[in-house]
Structure formats: structure tokens, C-alpha cells
Amino acid sequence: MQSVQEVEKHVPVREGEYGERVATVEPGGVEYIALKERHGKPIDLFWTWLSPNLEFATVYVGVLGVAVFGLSFWQTALAIVLGSALGSVTHYFLSSWGPKFGVPMMVESRGAFGFLGNILPATLNAFTGTIGWFIVNSVSGAFALQALFGLIKVDLPFAAAFLIIVVAQVAIATLGHNFIHVFERLALPLLGVVFALATIFIFSHANFGIAAKPIPVVGEFGGFTLLFTATFGYAAGWNPYAADYTRYQPPTADRRMVGLWAALGVFVSCVVIELAGAALATVSGTKWGPTDIPTVQLQKAMPDLLYYLTLLCIAVGAVCANAITSTAERCRWSPSASARWA
């Protein structure tokens, strides 16, 4: 087996000095990360993957089980735990590859699909992650921002709120890998405390004994299967970015711990916040019709101050989630990366 130093002689190595600097733009793209540039600890992956799921999209995945698929709370909870666990297991293995290979996930996947075969999954991921996921999170963040500005009697147009969220996400993504890790870590205390308090209040108002109301034709098993698939897909949706945030870890790092901390970040955040969403759907007075605003339903389960803080965290959480995907895509589609790996 070749040593790391020997490998660097035969593959495109990312140019420029980066190290552990935070307030600087990450150089290069998808090139191999040289040994001298490797840094970080496995536990860093915990908050990097915990913060992005502390947002309203995660809450709504839990809402789906009760409000849309007609499951009881406990059926919904079982689907959430099983689906999130399976998605986190795949995240464990893919994250553990980063220190070994030193390249992003979409480059690693060429080993399975080949150079040309990898074009389709990479393109689909770009459209679903960079465009679809980016828009969904930005919209929820913009709505939350609009509601917050309403508190100070400012009628902020949706377009302006959306622009603020997008600019914040792009600015963070532009700086790259090191800044992302720091930003997610700094955002965690605010997001963690507020969402923890919100979850406690939601659970205190929830009706855990609500009976299942299966969708006609689909039934309870069909509804359970749909939710299990949704929760698995939500957790596994981070898989295409797994190695992107572990490739800077030293090759000597304990890859089991790298994978474990990354997987725990995804699992804990998805399960807790999705369970809060399932509980919220059982709270008396909440409405989940096509014309109802989902974020407004939070106010039925908590004091006004906590509701407003939660809206702030929804906006911050949207930025945390989209910054992760946007940073990865920025590296993948950089001109230097495409040329050097052609």
C-alpha cells in the first residue's frame, strides 16, 4: 500500500496555503487535500452535522406523519427513529472515508460509478441539493424573517427577506470549509437552547394518545412506509456531502470516531426535532391545511417570546443547512476543480 506522501505525487493536490485559517476563502476545489493541510478532530463533526438540522424543515418531516399520513404519534415516532437511524448509519460509513481519501464525496463516488457514470448522480445531486433544497430552506427562513420584522412594525417584502437569507448563505459558503465548521459550532448554543425549550413546551401541550387516521387506500402500513422513507431520505440526504467535511481530517484520525460523531450529529438532531414536529401536529388548535402557514402553528404550543426566538432560529437554521450544501457545491463546480480532474 502506498504512503500518503507517495499518493500526493500521482494525484491533483489542492494548491495554496489554507491550514486552520478561518477568515479567508478556501482555495481550490475538489483536489486532494495534502497532508500538511490536514487538521481537525473527530468530535468537530458532531456540531457540524447537528446545527444544520435544527430548522423548520426537520420539524415538518415529523408533522407529516400525523397531519398528512394519518399515523398516531407513536407510529410516527417509530418511523422517525428507524428511518433516521438507517440514514445515519450510511452517513457513518461515508464520513469515515474522508480522512483516507482526502477528496469530496462526488469524487469518491467515481470509484463506484466511473468518471462518466458519475455525471448523472452528481448532476441530480446538484439540482436536488443546490437548487431544490436551497430554495425550500431559504423560503422557510424568509417567512420567519418576515414575521420577526413584523414585531417591530416593519413590513418586509418576501423578496427582501429571501434575499437577506440567500446573501448570508452565499457569504458563508464563499469562505469555505473552515468557516463552515466554526459557524455551525457558534450557531449551536443558540439553536440548541431555543429548540430544546421549544421542544419541551411542544411536548407539554401534545396529545400523545391521538388515534391513527389512515389515509384511504394507503392505510396505516402505507403511511408508515411513506414516513419511514421520508425520514430515511432526510437523514441520508446529507450523505452526498459526508466526506466533504471530513477530508481535512488527518489520515491518522480514528475513522470510526470520525464516522460516529458525524452520524450522531445527524441522528440526534433529526430524531429530536422530528419528534417535536410529530408532537406539534397533535397540539390542539394547530392547523395543517394547504392554506395554513406551518410556522405559525408553533405559537399554539409556546409563549410568545419563545415563539419569536424560535422564528429567529428558523432563519439561522436555514442558513446553517444551506451553507453546508452550498460550500460543497462551490468546491465541486469551481473551474480549477473541473480542469484538474478531467
Protein backbone atom coordinates (compact mmCIF):
# COMPACT_ATOMS: atom_id res chain seq x y z
CA MET A 1 0.00 0.00 0.00
CA GLN A 2 1.31 3.45 -0.94
CA SER A 3 2.03 6.03 1.75
CA VAL A 4 0.22 9.36 1.80
CA GLN A 5 3.37 11.08 0.54
CA GLU A 6 3.53 8.71 -2.44
CA VAL A 7 -0.13 9.27 -3.27
CA GLU A 8 0.42 13.04 -3.41
CA LYS A 9 2.90 12.53 -6.27
CA HIS A 10 0.25 10.99 -8.51
CA VAL A 11 -2.99 12.95 -7.91
CA PRO A 12 -4.01 16.61 -8.28
CA VAL A 13 -3.27 18.24 -4.92
CA ARG A 14 -5.12 21.34 -3.80
CA GLU A 15 -2.87 24.38 -4.18
CA GLY A 16 -2.47 27.30 -1.80
CA GLU A 17 -1.91 27.69 1.92
CA TYR A 18 -5.08 27.27 3.99
CA GLY A 19 -4.36 25.37 7.19
CA GLU A 20 -6.71 26.25 10.05
CA ARG A 21 -7.34 29.83 8.99
CA VAL A 22 -10.99 30.85 9.24
CA ALA A 23 -11.33 34.38 7.87
CA THR A 24 -10.05 33.50 4.41
CA VAL A 25 -11.50 31.96 1.27
CA GLU A 26 -10.81 28.24 0.91
CA PRO A 27 -8.58 27.75 -2.13
CA GLY A 28 -9.05 25.13 -4.83
CA GLY A 29 -11.95 22.82 -5.41
CA VAL A 30 -12.23 19.04 -5.27
CA GLU A 31 -8.49 18.34 -5.34
CA TYR A 32 -6.83 16.00 -2.86
CA ILE A 33 -6.01 17.67 0.48
CA ALA A 34 -2.26 17.49 1.15
CA LEU A 35 -1.01 16.02 4.40
CA LYS A 36 0.36 19.38 5.58
CA GLU A 37 -3.14 20.89 5.28
CA ARG A 38 -4.92 18.24 7.35
CA HIS A 39 -6.37 19.32 10.68
CA GLY A 40 -9.35 18.90 12.99
CA LYS A 41 -10.69 16.37 15.50
CA PRO A 42 -13.44 13.77 15.05
CA ILE A 43 -15.71 15.49 17.58
CA ASP A 44 -15.75 18.59 15.33
CA LEU A 45 -18.15 16.66 13.12
CA PHE A 46 -20.81 16.48 15.83
CA TRP A 47 -21.84 20.12 15.78
CA THR A 48 -21.11 20.44 12.09
CA TRP A 49 -23.95 17.95 11.45
CA LEU A 50 -26.10 18.84 14.46
CA SER A 51 -26.74 22.52 13.68
CA PRO A 52 -27.95 22.13 10.05
CA ASN A 53 -30.93 20.00 11.15
CA LEU A 54 -32.10 22.48 13.79
CA GLU A 55 -34.53 24.14 11.40
CA PHE A 56 -38.19 24.04 10.40
CA ALA A 57 -37.82 21.60 7.51
CA THR A 58 -36.84 18.97 10.09
CA VAL A 59 -39.85 19.87 12.22
CA TYR A 60 -42.17 19.45 9.26
CA VAL A 61 -40.90 15.95 8.45
CA GLY A 62 -42.33 14.93 11.83
CA VAL A 63 -45.56 16.80 11.16
CA LEU A 64 -46.08 14.71 8.02
CA GLY A 65 -46.60 11.51 10.00
CA VAL A 66 -49.60 12.75 11.96
CA ALA A 67 -51.06 15.55 9.85
CA VAL A 68 -50.57 14.09 6.35
CA PHE A 69 -50.11 10.31 6.62
CA GLY A 70 -52.64 9.89 9.43
CA LEU A 71 -50.43 7.93 11.82
CA SER A 72 -50.60 8.01 15.61
CA PHE A 73 -47.81 9.78 17.46
CA TRP A 74 -46.17 6.50 18.48
CA GLN A 75 -46.31 5.05 14.96
CA THR A 76 -44.75 8.28 13.73
CA ALA A 77 -42.06 8.12 16.42
CA LEU A 78 -41.11 4.56 15.44
CA ALA A 79 -40.79 5.50 11.76
CA ILE A 80 -38.69 8.56 12.69
CA VAL A 81 -36.24 6.57 14.83
CA LEU A 82 -35.85 3.72 12.34
CA GLY A 83 -35.56 5.94 9.25
CA SER A 84 -33.15 8.38 10.88
CA ALA A 85 -31.03 5.54 12.26
CA LEU A 86 -30.64 3.94 8.83
CA GLY A 87 -29.77 7.27 7.21
CA SER A 88 -27.25 7.97 9.96
CA VAL A 89 -25.59 4.57 9.50
CA THR A 90 -24.88 5.33 5.85
CA HIS A 91 -23.60 8.75 6.91
CA TYR A 92 -21.25 7.00 9.35
CA PHE A 93 -19.54 4.95 6.66
CA LEU A 94 -19.31 7.71 4.07
CA SER A 95 -17.94 10.24 6.58
CA SER A 96 -15.26 7.76 7.66
CA TRP A 97 -13.86 7.74 4.12
CA GLY A 98 -12.86 11.42 4.16
CA PRO A 99 -9.58 11.11 6.11
CA LYS A 100 -8.50 8.15 4.00
CA PHE A 101 -9.18 9.51 0.51
CA GLY A 102 -8.89 13.27 1.13
CA VAL A 103 -11.41 14.22 -1.58
CA PRO A 104 -15.13 15.19 -1.61
CA MET A 105 -17.93 12.64 -1.84
CA MET A 106 -18.66 13.26 -5.51
CA VAL A 107 -15.04 12.45 -6.41
CA GLU A 108 -15.00 9.35 -4.21
CA SER A 109 -18.15 8.10 -5.95
CA ARG A 110 -16.23 7.84 -9.22
CA GLY A 111 -14.76 4.67 -7.76
CA ALA A 112 -18.23 3.10 -7.92
CA PHE A 113 -19.73 4.78 -11.00
CA GLY A 114 -16.65 5.65 -13.06
CA PHE A 115 -15.81 9.10 -14.43
CA LEU A 116 -18.65 9.27 -16.98
CA GLY A 117 -21.10 7.25 -14.91
CA ASN A 118 -20.70 9.69 -12.05
CA ILE A 119 -22.03 12.59 -14.12
CA LEU A 120 -25.68 11.59 -13.68
CA PRO A 121 -25.74 11.23 -9.87
CA ALA A 122 -23.56 14.32 -9.47
CA THR A 123 -25.90 16.36 -11.68
CA LEU A 124 -29.03 15.08 -9.93
CA ASN A 125 -27.48 15.92 -6.58
CA ALA A 126 -26.65 19.41 -7.79
CA PHE A 127 -30.25 20.04 -8.86
CA THR A 128 -31.95 18.49 -5.82
CA GLY A 129 -29.46 19.74 -3.22
CA THR A 130 -28.17 23.01 -4.60
CA ILE A 131 -31.43 24.18 -6.16
CA GLY A 132 -34.37 22.32 -4.59
CA TRP A 133 -33.10 22.06 -1.02
CA PHE A 134 -31.62 25.55 -1.18
CA ILE A 135 -34.99 27.05 -2.17
CA VAL A 136 -37.02 25.13 0.42
CA ASN A 137 -34.80 26.23 3.31
CA SER A 138 -34.49 29.79 2.03
CA VAL A 139 -38.28 30.13 1.80
CA SER A 140 -38.87 28.92 5.38
CA GLY A 141 -36.10 31.22 6.61
CA ALA A 142 -37.56 34.16 4.69
CA PHE A 143 -41.05 33.60 6.15
CA ALA A 144 -39.57 33.51 9.65
CA LEU A 145 -37.63 36.70 8.98
CA GLN A 146 -40.78 38.43 7.72
CA ALA A 147 -42.63 37.51 10.92
CA LEU A 148 -39.77 38.85 13.06
CA PHE A 149 -39.72 42.18 11.24
CA GLY A 150 -43.46 42.37 11.79
CA LEU A 151 -42.79 42.60 15.53
CA ILE A 152 -41.14 45.99 15.05
CA LYS A 153 -43.91 47.11 12.66
CA VAL A 154 -41.74 46.76 9.56
CA ASP A 155 -43.48 45.28 6.53
CA LEU A 156 -40.55 43.42 4.99
CA PRO A 157 -41.39 42.18 1.48
CA PHE A 158 -40.87 38.46 0.94
CA ALA A 159 -38.36 39.15 -1.84
CA ALA A 160 -36.25 41.25 0.52
CA ALA A 161 -36.37 38.63 3.28
CA PHE A 162 -35.46 35.91 0.80
CA LEU A 163 -32.54 37.99 -0.47
CA ILE A 164 -31.19 38.53 3.07
CA ILE A 165 -31.22 34.79 3.75
CA VAL A 166 -29.61 33.94 0.42
CA VAL A 167 -26.86 36.55 0.76
CA ALA A 168 -25.98 35.27 4.26
CA GLN A 169 -25.78 31.70 2.97
CA VAL A 170 -23.66 32.57 -0.05
CA ALA A 171 -21.30 34.73 2.02
CA ILE A 172 -20.63 31.86 4.44
CA ALA A 173 -20.27 29.34 1.63
CA THR A 174 -17.76 31.58 -0.15
CA LEU A 175 -15.34 31.37 2.77
CA GLY A 176 -15.47 27.60 2.73
CA HIS A 177 -14.61 24.60 4.87
CA ASN A 178 -13.00 26.11 7.99
CA PHE A 179 -15.54 28.91 8.36
CA ILE A 180 -18.41 26.43 8.00
CA HIS A 181 -17.14 24.35 10.92
CA VAL A 182 -16.76 27.45 13.10
CA PHE A 183 -20.13 28.90 12.07
CA GLU A 184 -22.00 25.66 12.82
CA ARG A 185 -20.28 25.43 16.22
CA LEU A 186 -21.09 29.04 17.13
CA ALA A 187 -24.70 28.70 15.98
CA LEU A 188 -25.27 25.56 18.05
CA PRO A 189 -25.71 27.17 21.52
CA LEU A 190 -28.45 29.49 20.25
CA LEU A 191 -30.17 26.86 18.12
CA GLY A 192 -29.75 24.11 20.70
CA VAL A 193 -31.12 26.05 23.68
CA VAL A 194 -34.07 27.59 21.83
CA PHE A 195 -35.13 24.40 20.06
CA ALA A 196 -34.72 22.42 23.31
CA LEU A 197 -37.05 24.82 25.12
CA ALA A 198 -39.46 24.82 22.18
CA THR A 199 -39.50 21.00 22.19
CA ILE A 200 -40.26 20.91 25.93
CA PHE A 201 -43.22 23.27 25.51
CA ILE A 202 -44.50 21.38 22.46
CA PHE A 203 -44.32 18.07 24.33
CA SER A 204 -46.14 19.60 27.32
CA HIS A 205 -49.07 20.57 25.06
CA ALA A 206 -49.08 17.43 22.91
CA ASN A 207 -51.78 14.74 22.82
CA PHE A 208 -49.73 11.56 22.71
CA GLY A 209 -52.84 9.40 22.72
CA ILE A 210 -54.16 10.68 19.41
CA ALA A 211 -55.58 7.84 17.34
CA ALA A 212 -54.36 6.98 13.87
CA LYS A 213 -56.49 8.20 10.96
CA PRO A 214 -55.11 6.25 8.00
CA ILE A 215 -55.26 7.67 4.50
CA PRO A 216 -57.83 5.79 2.37
CA VAL A 217 -56.25 3.15 0.10
CA VAL A 218 -52.77 3.72 1.60
CA GLY A 219 -53.69 2.59 5.11
CA GLU A 220 -51.52 2.53 8.24
CA PHE A 221 -48.79 0.35 6.76
CA GLY A 222 -48.58 2.51 3.65
CA GLY A 223 -48.46 5.68 5.73
CA PHE A 224 -45.77 4.19 7.96
CA THR A 225 -43.73 3.14 4.93
CA LEU A 226 -44.02 6.60 3.39
CA LEU A 227 -42.87 8.30 6.58
CA PHE A 228 -40.06 5.79 7.13
CA THR A 229 -38.87 6.53 3.59
CA ALA A 230 -39.12 10.28 4.17
CA THR A 231 -37.16 10.19 7.43
CA PHE A 232 -34.51 7.92 5.92
CA GLY A 233 -34.25 10.21 2.89
CA TYR A 234 -33.99 13.29 5.09
CA ALA A 235 -31.08 11.88 7.12
CA ALA A 236 -29.43 10.23 4.12
CA GLY A 237 -29.86 13.44 2.15
CA TRP A 238 -26.66 14.61 3.84
CA ASN A 239 -24.72 11.57 2.57
CA PRO A 240 -23.53 13.23 -0.68
CA TYR A 241 -21.71 15.80 1.47
CA ALA A 242 -20.34 13.41 4.13
CA ALA A 243 -16.69 13.21 3.05
CA ASP A 244 -16.63 16.90 2.05
CA TYR A 245 -16.43 17.80 5.74
CA THR A 246 -14.08 15.00 6.83
CA ARG A 247 -11.50 15.14 4.04
CA TYR A 248 -9.41 17.67 6.00
CA GLN A 249 -9.12 15.26 8.94
CA PRO A 250 -5.62 13.73 9.24
CA PRO A 251 -5.30 10.24 7.71
CA THR A 252 -4.18 9.09 11.16
CA ALA A 253 -7.50 10.13 12.71
CA ASP A 254 -9.64 7.34 14.16
CA ARG A 255 -12.03 6.83 11.26
CA ARG A 256 -14.54 5.04 13.48
CA MET A 257 -14.83 8.12 15.67
CA VAL A 258 -14.99 10.41 12.63
CA GLY A 259 -17.95 8.42 11.34
CA LEU A 260 -19.54 8.10 14.78
CA TRP A 261 -19.56 11.81 15.61
CA ALA A 262 -20.86 12.73 12.15
CA ALA A 263 -23.61 10.10 12.37
CA LEU A 264 -24.59 11.14 15.91
CA GLY A 265 -24.93 14.75 14.82
CA VAL A 266 -27.40 13.74 12.11
CA PHE A 267 -29.26 11.15 14.20
CA VAL A 268 -29.76 13.19 17.39
CA SER A 269 -30.90 16.35 15.62
CA CYS A 270 -33.24 14.54 13.21
CA VAL A 271 -34.89 12.37 15.85
CA VAL A 272 -35.42 15.11 18.46
CA ILE A 273 -36.67 17.80 16.07
CA GLU A 274 -38.83 15.42 14.01
CA LEU A 275 -40.42 14.07 17.21
CA ALA A 276 -41.14 17.68 18.18
CA GLY A 277 -42.84 18.10 14.80
CA ALA A 278 -44.94 14.98 15.32
CA ALA A 279 -45.95 16.23 18.78
CA LEU A 280 -46.75 19.69 17.38
CA ALA A 281 -49.21 18.12 14.92
CA THR A 282 -51.18 16.74 17.89
CA VAL A 283 -51.42 20.07 19.75
CA SER A 284 -54.98 21.38 19.98
CA GLY A 285 -55.68 24.31 17.67
CA THR A 286 -52.91 23.68 15.14
CA LYS A 287 -53.98 23.63 11.50
CA TRP A 288 -52.17 21.93 8.65
CA GLY A 289 -54.33 22.70 5.63
CA PRO A 290 -52.97 23.85 2.26
CA THR A 291 -53.72 27.50 3.10
CA ASP A 292 -52.33 27.42 6.65
CA ILE A 293 -48.84 28.73 7.43
CA PRO A 294 -46.86 25.92 9.12
CA THR A 295 -44.52 28.14 11.18
CA VAL A 296 -47.47 29.99 12.73
CA GLN A 297 -48.65 26.74 14.34
CA LEU A 298 -45.66 26.89 16.69
CA GLN A 299 -47.32 29.79 18.52
CA LYS A 300 -50.10 27.46 19.70
CA ALA A 301 -47.65 25.47 21.81
CA MET A 302 -45.34 28.03 23.44
CA PRO A 303 -45.14 31.54 24.94
CA ASP A 304 -44.81 34.45 22.54
CA LEU A 305 -41.21 35.24 23.48
CA LEU A 306 -40.10 31.67 22.83
CA TYR A 307 -42.10 31.65 19.59
CA TYR A 308 -40.26 34.73 18.34
CA LEU A 309 -36.90 33.28 19.36
CA THR A 310 -37.84 30.09 17.50
CA LEU A 311 -38.62 32.13 14.38
CA LEU A 312 -35.15 33.68 14.66
CA CYS A 313 -33.64 30.21 14.94
CA ILE A 314 -35.61 29.00 11.94
CA ALA A 315 -33.93 31.75 9.91
CA VAL A 316 -30.49 30.94 11.36
CA GLY A 317 -31.10 27.20 10.92
CA ALA A 318 -31.95 27.72 7.25
CA VAL A 319 -28.60 29.45 6.78
CA CYS A 320 -26.80 26.62 8.64
CA ALA A 321 -28.38 23.97 6.42
CA ASN A 322 -27.86 25.70 3.08
CA ALA A 323 -24.33 26.83 3.88
CA ILE A 324 -23.33 23.17 4.21
CA THR A 325 -24.59 22.23 0.74
CA SER A 326 -23.57 25.48 -0.93
CA THR A 327 -19.97 25.25 0.27
CA ALA A 328 -19.66 21.70 -1.03
CA GLU A 329 -21.13 22.62 -4.41
CA ARG A 330 -18.88 25.70 -4.66
CA CYS A 331 -15.84 23.43 -4.46
CA ARG A 332 -17.26 20.85 -6.85
CA TRP A 333 -18.08 23.29 -9.60
CA SER A 334 -15.00 25.52 -9.33
CA PRO A 335 -13.22 25.89 -12.70
CA SER A 336 -9.90 24.67 -11.32
CA ALA A 337 -11.52 21.53 -9.94
CA SER A 338 -13.17 20.62 -13.23
CA ALA A 339 -9.99 21.15 -15.21
CA ARG A 340 -7.63 19.26 -12.92
CA TRP A 341 -9.85 16.21 -12.54
CA ALA A 342 -10.86 15.97 -16.19
